[in-house]
């Protein structure tokens, strides 16, 4: 008859589960402390756990969601590549000039259309009422 090793298996499973949770919690702390994005994917990678396992952990998911709502998304453009204020002002001036030009073009087209419709009506034979 075989020996009952189930208690050893259960203890090993508990130990493995505790180690997995500990890794995940430490990874959450590390990602938060270093300012890295806290997502299911980044946490799974950092803690060496599966994403499917993370979805079974409501407390960890709550921390992920809370962190995502707390941290506004920032541009990933390095500061040295970001547009300067004078550059942005110049772009705004160019855009405003473009808008004025397009408005003038639109008005010219409206006037030309009105003239063409008027000419068309004037050259149309008059219909006599029956």
N, C-alpha and C. Protein backbone atom coordinates (compact mmCIF):
# COMPACT_ATOMS: atom_id res chain seq x y z
N UNK A 1 0.84 -1.18 0.00
CA UNK A 1 0.00 0.00 0.00
C UNK A 1 0.88 1.25 0.00
N UNK A 2 0.47 2.25 -0.76
CA UNK A 2 1.25 3.48 -0.89
C UNK A 2 1.03 4.39 0.31
N UNK A 3 2.04 5.15 0.63
CA UNK A 3 1.93 6.11 1.73
C UNK A 3 1.12 7.31 1.27
N UNK A 4 0.40 7.91 2.19
CA UNK A 4 -0.41 9.09 1.89
C UNK A 4 0.48 10.33 1.97
N UNK A 5 0.86 10.87 0.82
CA UNK A 5 1.73 12.06 0.76
C UNK A 5 0.95 13.34 0.50
N UNK A 6 -0.35 13.28 0.64
CA UNK A 6 -1.17 14.44 0.28
C UNK A 6 -0.86 15.65 1.15
N UNK A 7 -0.53 15.44 2.42
CA UNK A 7 -0.24 16.61 3.27
C UNK A 7 1.03 17.30 2.82
N UNK A 8 1.99 16.54 2.32
CA UNK A 8 3.22 17.13 1.81
C UNK A 8 2.95 17.92 0.53
N UNK A 9 2.10 17.38 -0.31
CA UNK A 9 1.73 18.08 -1.55
C UNK A 9 0.97 19.36 -1.24
N UNK A 10 0.06 19.28 -0.27
CA UNK A 10 -0.71 20.46 0.11
C UNK A 10 0.20 21.53 0.69
N UNK A 11 1.15 21.14 1.53
CA UNK A 11 2.09 22.10 2.12
C UNK A 11 2.94 22.73 1.02
N UNK A 12 3.40 21.94 0.07
CA UNK A 12 4.21 22.47 -1.03
C UNK A 12 3.39 23.45 -1.88
N UNK A 13 2.13 23.14 -2.11
CA UNK A 13 1.26 24.04 -2.88
C UNK A 13 1.05 25.35 -2.13
N UNK A 14 0.84 25.26 -0.78
CA UNK A 14 0.67 26.47 0.02
C UNK A 14 1.92 27.32 -0.02
N UNK A 15 3.06 26.69 0.12
CA UNK A 15 4.34 27.40 0.09
C UNK A 15 4.53 28.10 -1.26
N UNK A 16 4.25 27.37 -2.32
CA UNK A 16 4.39 27.95 -3.67
C UNK A 16 3.43 29.13 -3.85
N UNK A 17 2.20 29.01 -3.36
CA UNK A 17 1.22 30.09 -3.47
C UNK A 17 1.67 31.31 -2.66
N UNK A 18 2.21 31.08 -1.47
CA UNK A 18 2.70 32.19 -0.64
C UNK A 18 3.87 32.90 -1.31
N UNK A 19 4.77 32.12 -1.89
CA UNK A 19 5.92 32.71 -2.58
C UNK A 19 5.47 33.53 -3.80
N UNK A 20 4.49 33.03 -4.50
CA UNK A 20 3.97 33.74 -5.67
C UNK A 20 3.35 35.06 -5.25
N UNK A 21 2.53 35.03 -4.20
CA UNK A 21 1.92 36.28 -3.71
C UNK A 21 2.98 37.25 -3.23
N UNK A 22 3.98 36.74 -2.53
CA UNK A 22 5.04 37.60 -2.02
C UNK A 22 5.77 38.28 -3.18
N UNK A 23 6.07 37.51 -4.23
CA UNK A 23 6.72 38.10 -5.41
C UNK A 23 5.85 39.18 -6.04
N UNK A 24 4.56 38.92 -6.13
CA UNK A 24 3.64 39.89 -6.74
C UNK A 24 3.58 41.16 -5.90
N UNK A 25 3.48 41.02 -4.59
CA UNK A 25 3.40 42.19 -3.72
C UNK A 25 4.69 43.00 -3.78
N UNK A 26 5.82 42.31 -3.76
CA UNK A 26 7.10 43.02 -3.89
C UNK A 26 7.21 43.72 -5.24
N UNK A 27 6.71 43.09 -6.27
CA UNK A 27 6.75 43.70 -7.61
C UNK A 27 5.86 44.95 -7.66
N UNK A 28 4.70 44.90 -7.02
CA UNK A 28 3.83 46.09 -6.97
C UNK A 28 4.57 47.23 -6.29
N UNK A 29 5.20 46.94 -5.17
CA UNK A 29 5.95 47.98 -4.45
C UNK A 29 7.09 48.53 -5.31
N UNK A 30 7.80 47.64 -5.98
CA UNK A 30 8.93 48.08 -6.81
C UNK A 30 8.45 48.96 -7.97
N UNK A 31 7.41 48.52 -8.66
CA UNK A 31 6.90 49.30 -9.80
C UNK A 31 6.38 50.65 -9.34
N UNK A 32 5.70 50.68 -8.21
CA UNK A 32 5.17 51.94 -7.68
C UNK A 32 6.31 52.86 -7.27
N UNK A 33 7.29 52.31 -6.57
CA UNK A 33 8.41 53.11 -6.07
C UNK A 33 9.24 53.69 -7.21
N UNK A 34 9.41 52.94 -8.27
CA UNK A 34 10.25 53.41 -9.38
C UNK A 34 9.47 54.23 -10.41
N UNK A 35 8.15 54.34 -10.22
CA UNK A 35 7.35 55.16 -11.13
C UNK A 35 7.03 54.49 -12.44
N UNK A 36 7.26 53.19 -12.54
CA UNK A 36 6.94 52.47 -13.76
C UNK A 36 5.43 52.23 -13.81
N UNK A 37 4.87 52.07 -15.00
CA UNK A 37 3.43 51.82 -15.09
C UNK A 37 3.06 50.51 -14.42
N UNK A 38 1.99 50.54 -13.67
CA UNK A 38 1.51 49.34 -12.98
C UNK A 38 0.31 48.81 -13.75
N UNK A 39 0.55 47.79 -14.54
CA UNK A 39 -0.50 47.13 -15.30
C UNK A 39 -0.40 45.63 -15.03
N UNK A 40 -1.41 44.91 -15.44
CA UNK A 40 -1.39 43.47 -15.26
C UNK A 40 -0.17 42.88 -15.97
N UNK A 41 0.10 43.35 -17.16
CA UNK A 41 1.22 42.82 -17.94
C UNK A 41 2.55 43.13 -17.29
N UNK A 42 2.75 44.39 -16.87
CA UNK A 42 4.04 44.74 -16.27
C UNK A 42 4.22 44.03 -14.93
N UNK A 43 3.15 43.90 -14.17
CA UNK A 43 3.25 43.20 -12.89
C UNK A 43 3.55 41.72 -13.10
N UNK A 44 2.89 41.11 -14.05
CA UNK A 44 3.14 39.69 -14.33
C UNK A 44 4.59 39.47 -14.73
N UNK A 45 5.10 40.36 -15.56
CA UNK A 45 6.49 40.22 -16.00
C UNK A 45 7.46 40.45 -14.85
N UNK A 46 7.21 41.49 -14.07
CA UNK A 46 8.10 41.82 -12.96
C UNK A 46 8.12 40.73 -11.89
N UNK A 47 6.95 40.15 -11.61
CA UNK A 47 6.84 39.15 -10.54
C UNK A 47 7.03 37.72 -11.05
N UNK A 48 7.18 37.57 -12.34
CA UNK A 48 7.29 36.23 -12.94
C UNK A 48 6.09 35.35 -12.59
N UNK A 49 4.91 35.92 -12.79
CA UNK A 49 3.67 35.19 -12.58
C UNK A 49 2.84 35.32 -13.85
N UNK A 50 1.82 34.51 -13.97
CA UNK A 50 0.98 34.59 -15.16
C UNK A 50 -0.07 35.69 -14.99
N UNK A 51 -0.46 36.26 -16.09
CA UNK A 51 -1.52 37.26 -16.04
C UNK A 51 -2.83 36.63 -15.59
N UNK A 52 -3.08 35.40 -16.02
CA UNK A 52 -4.33 34.75 -15.61
C UNK A 52 -4.38 34.58 -14.09
N UNK A 53 -3.25 34.31 -13.47
CA UNK A 53 -3.22 34.20 -12.01
C UNK A 53 -3.54 35.56 -11.38
N UNK A 54 -2.98 36.62 -11.95
CA UNK A 54 -3.25 37.96 -11.40
C UNK A 54 -4.74 38.30 -11.45
N UNK A 55 -5.42 37.86 -12.50
CA UNK A 55 -6.85 38.15 -12.60
C UNK A 55 -7.66 37.41 -11.55
N UNK A 56 -7.07 36.43 -10.87
CA UNK A 56 -7.77 35.74 -9.79
C UNK A 56 -7.48 36.36 -8.43
N UNK A 57 -6.70 37.44 -8.42
CA UNK A 57 -6.31 38.10 -7.17
C UNK A 57 -6.96 39.48 -7.09
N UNK A 58 -8.16 39.58 -6.51
CA UNK A 58 -8.89 40.84 -6.52
C UNK A 58 -8.15 41.99 -5.82
N UNK A 59 -7.40 41.71 -4.77
CA UNK A 59 -6.70 42.78 -4.08
C UNK A 59 -5.59 43.37 -4.94
N UNK A 60 -4.89 42.54 -5.68
CA UNK A 60 -3.83 43.04 -6.56
C UNK A 60 -4.43 43.80 -7.74
N UNK A 61 -5.54 43.30 -8.27
CA UNK A 61 -6.22 44.02 -9.35
C UNK A 61 -6.69 45.38 -8.89
N UNK A 62 -7.18 45.45 -7.66
CA UNK A 62 -7.64 46.74 -7.11
C UNK A 62 -6.47 47.72 -7.01
N UNK A 63 -5.32 47.24 -6.58
CA UNK A 63 -4.14 48.11 -6.52
C UNK A 63 -3.75 48.60 -7.91
N UNK A 64 -3.83 47.73 -8.89
CA UNK A 64 -3.49 48.11 -10.27
C UNK A 64 -4.46 49.19 -10.75
N UNK A 65 -5.75 48.98 -10.54
CA UNK A 65 -6.75 49.94 -10.99
C UNK A 65 -6.61 51.26 -10.25
N UNK A 66 -6.36 51.19 -8.95
CA UNK A 66 -6.20 52.42 -8.17
C UNK A 66 -4.98 53.21 -8.65
N UNK A 67 -3.90 52.52 -8.94
CA UNK A 67 -2.69 53.19 -9.42
C UNK A 67 -2.92 53.82 -10.79
N UNK A 68 -3.66 53.14 -11.65
CA UNK A 68 -3.91 53.68 -12.99
C UNK A 68 -4.78 54.92 -12.92
N UNK A 69 -5.72 54.98 -11.98
CA UNK A 69 -6.58 56.15 -11.86
C UNK A 69 -5.86 57.29 -11.14
N UNK A 70 -4.88 56.96 -10.33
CA UNK A 70 -4.13 57.97 -9.61
C UNK A 70 -3.08 58.63 -10.47
N UNK A 71 -2.46 57.87 -11.34
CA UNK A 71 -1.34 58.36 -12.14
C UNK A 71 -1.84 58.84 -13.49
N UNK A 72 -1.76 60.15 -13.74
CA UNK A 72 -2.15 60.62 -15.07
C UNK A 72 -1.13 60.16 -16.11
N UNK A 73 -1.64 59.90 -17.29
CA UNK A 73 -0.73 59.49 -18.36
C UNK A 73 0.08 60.71 -18.79
N UNK A 74 1.37 60.51 -18.89
CA UNK A 74 2.25 61.60 -19.29
C UNK A 74 2.86 61.28 -20.64
N UNK A 75 3.24 62.33 -21.29
CA UNK A 75 3.88 62.17 -22.59
C UNK A 75 5.22 61.47 -22.41
N UNK A 76 5.55 60.61 -23.33
CA UNK A 76 6.83 59.92 -23.26
C UNK A 76 7.90 60.61 -24.07
N UNK A 77 7.61 61.84 -24.53
CA UNK A 77 8.58 62.60 -25.29
C UNK A 77 9.62 63.16 -24.32
N UNK A 78 10.90 62.91 -24.56
CA UNK A 78 11.92 63.47 -23.69
C UNK A 78 11.86 64.99 -23.67
N UNK A 79 12.25 65.59 -22.57
CA UNK A 79 12.15 67.05 -22.41
C UNK A 79 12.92 67.79 -23.50
N UNK A 80 14.04 67.25 -23.90
CA UNK A 80 14.84 67.95 -24.91
C UNK A 80 14.18 67.94 -26.29
N UNK A 81 13.21 67.03 -26.49
CA UNK A 81 12.52 66.96 -27.77
C UNK A 81 11.16 67.63 -27.73
N UNK A 82 10.72 68.04 -26.57
CA UNK A 82 9.41 68.68 -26.45
C UNK A 82 9.45 70.05 -27.11
N UNK A 83 8.32 70.47 -27.65
CA UNK A 83 8.24 71.77 -28.32
C UNK A 83 8.35 72.89 -27.29
N UNK A 84 9.08 73.93 -27.65
CA UNK A 84 9.23 75.08 -26.76
C UNK A 84 8.01 75.99 -26.91
N UNK A 85 7.85 76.91 -25.96
CA UNK A 85 6.73 77.84 -26.03
C UNK A 85 6.75 78.68 -27.30
N UNK A 86 7.90 79.26 -27.68
CA UNK A 86 7.92 80.04 -28.93
C UNK A 86 7.54 79.19 -30.14
N UNK A 87 7.98 77.93 -30.16
CA UNK A 87 7.64 77.04 -31.26
C UNK A 87 6.13 76.78 -31.31
N UNK A 88 5.55 76.53 -30.15
CA UNK A 88 4.11 76.30 -30.10
C UNK A 88 3.32 77.54 -30.52
N UNK A 89 3.80 78.71 -30.11
CA UNK A 89 3.13 79.96 -30.50
C UNK A 89 3.20 80.16 -32.01
N UNK A 90 4.35 79.86 -32.59
CA UNK A 90 4.48 80.00 -34.04
C UNK A 90 3.55 79.03 -34.75
N UNK A 91 3.47 77.79 -34.27
CA UNK A 91 2.56 76.81 -34.88
C UNK A 91 1.12 77.28 -34.76
N UNK A 92 0.76 77.88 -33.64
CA UNK A 92 -0.59 78.39 -33.45
C UNK A 92 -0.87 79.54 -34.42
N UNK A 93 0.10 80.44 -34.58
CA UNK A 93 -0.08 81.54 -35.52
C UNK A 93 -0.26 81.02 -36.95
N UNK A 94 0.53 80.04 -37.33
CA UNK A 94 0.42 79.45 -38.66
C UNK A 94 -0.95 78.80 -38.84
N UNK A 95 -1.40 78.07 -37.82
CA UNK A 95 -2.71 77.42 -37.89
C UNK A 95 -3.83 78.46 -38.01
N UNK A 96 -3.72 79.54 -37.24
CA UNK A 96 -4.74 80.59 -37.31
C UNK A 96 -4.75 81.25 -38.69
N UNK A 97 -3.57 81.48 -39.26
CA UNK A 97 -3.50 82.07 -40.61
C UNK A 97 -4.12 81.12 -41.62
N UNK A 98 -3.85 79.84 -41.47
CA UNK A 98 -4.43 78.83 -42.38
C UNK A 98 -5.95 78.84 -42.28
N UNK A 99 -6.46 78.97 -41.08
CA UNK A 99 -7.92 79.03 -40.89
C UNK A 99 -8.49 80.25 -41.58
N UNK A 100 -7.84 81.41 -41.41
CA UNK A 100 -8.31 82.63 -42.07
C UNK A 100 -8.29 82.47 -43.59
N UNK A 101 -7.22 81.86 -44.13
CA UNK A 101 -7.14 81.64 -45.57
C UNK A 101 -8.26 80.73 -46.06
N UNK A 102 -8.53 79.65 -45.32
CA UNK A 102 -9.59 78.74 -45.71
C UNK A 102 -10.97 79.40 -45.61
N UNK A 103 -11.16 80.24 -44.60
CA UNK A 103 -12.43 80.95 -44.50
C UNK A 103 -12.61 81.90 -45.69
N UNK A 104 -11.54 82.56 -46.10
CA UNK A 104 -11.62 83.46 -47.25
C UNK A 104 -11.91 82.66 -48.52
N UNK A 105 -11.26 81.52 -48.69
CA UNK A 105 -11.52 80.66 -49.84
C UNK A 105 -12.97 80.19 -49.86
N UNK A 106 -13.47 79.79 -48.71
CA UNK A 106 -14.86 79.35 -48.62
C UNK A 106 -15.82 80.47 -49.00
N UNK A 107 -15.54 81.68 -48.52
CA UNK A 107 -16.42 82.80 -48.85
C UNK A 107 -16.37 83.09 -50.34
N UNK A 108 -15.19 83.02 -50.95
CA UNK A 108 -15.05 83.24 -52.39
C UNK A 108 -15.83 82.18 -53.16
N UNK A 109 -15.75 80.93 -52.73
CA UNK A 109 -16.49 79.86 -53.40
C UNK A 109 -18.00 80.05 -53.24
N UNK A 110 -18.44 80.48 -52.05
CA UNK A 110 -19.87 80.74 -51.85
C UNK A 110 -20.36 81.85 -52.78
N UNK A 111 -19.56 82.90 -52.86
CA UNK A 111 -19.94 84.02 -53.73
C UNK A 111 -19.98 83.56 -55.19
N UNK A 112 -19.00 82.77 -55.61
CA UNK A 112 -18.98 82.29 -57.00
C UNK A 112 -20.17 81.37 -57.26
N UNK A 113 -20.53 80.54 -56.29
CA UNK A 113 -21.68 79.66 -56.44
C UNK A 113 -22.97 80.47 -56.54
N UNK A 114 -23.10 81.47 -55.69
CA UNK A 114 -24.29 82.32 -55.75
C UNK A 114 -24.40 83.02 -57.10
N UNK A 115 -23.28 83.50 -57.60
CA UNK A 115 -23.27 84.17 -58.91
C UNK A 115 -23.66 83.18 -60.01
N UNK A 116 -23.10 81.96 -59.96
CA UNK A 116 -23.41 80.95 -60.98
C UNK A 116 -24.87 80.55 -60.92
N UNK A 117 -25.42 80.39 -59.73
CA UNK A 117 -26.85 80.05 -59.62
C UNK A 117 -27.72 81.18 -60.15
N UNK A 118 -27.32 82.42 -59.85
CA UNK A 118 -28.08 83.57 -60.37
C UNK A 118 -28.02 83.63 -61.89
N UNK A 119 -26.84 83.41 -62.46
CA UNK A 119 -26.70 83.40 -63.92
C UNK A 119 -27.53 82.28 -64.54
N UNK A 120 -27.53 81.12 -63.90
CA UNK A 120 -28.29 79.98 -64.40
C UNK A 120 -29.79 80.30 -64.40
N UNK A 121 -30.26 80.91 -63.33
CA UNK A 121 -31.69 81.25 -63.26
C UNK A 121 -32.05 82.31 -64.31
N UNK A 122 -31.14 83.24 -64.54
CA UNK A 122 -31.41 84.31 -65.49
C UNK A 122 -31.47 83.79 -66.92
N UNK A 123 -30.72 82.79 -67.24
CA UNK A 123 -30.69 82.28 -68.60
C UNK A 123 -31.70 81.18 -68.84
N UNK A 124 -32.36 80.72 -67.84
CA UNK A 124 -33.36 79.67 -67.98
C UNK A 124 -34.61 80.26 -68.62
N UNK A 125 -35.19 79.52 -69.54
CA UNK A 125 -36.43 80.06 -70.14
C UNK A 125 -37.52 80.16 -69.09
N UNK A 126 -38.27 81.20 -69.16
CA UNK A 126 -39.35 81.41 -68.21
C UNK A 126 -40.48 80.43 -68.51
N UNK A 127 -41.00 79.86 -67.52
CA UNK A 127 -42.14 78.96 -67.72
C UNK A 127 -43.41 79.74 -67.48
N UNK A 128 -44.36 79.47 -68.30
CA UNK A 128 -45.65 80.17 -68.15
C UNK A 128 -46.60 79.28 -67.38
N UNK A 129 -47.32 79.86 -66.47
CA UNK A 129 -48.28 79.04 -65.73
C UNK A 129 -49.41 78.60 -66.65
N UNK A 130 -49.90 77.43 -66.45
CA UNK A 130 -51.00 76.89 -67.28
C UNK A 130 -52.30 77.47 -66.91
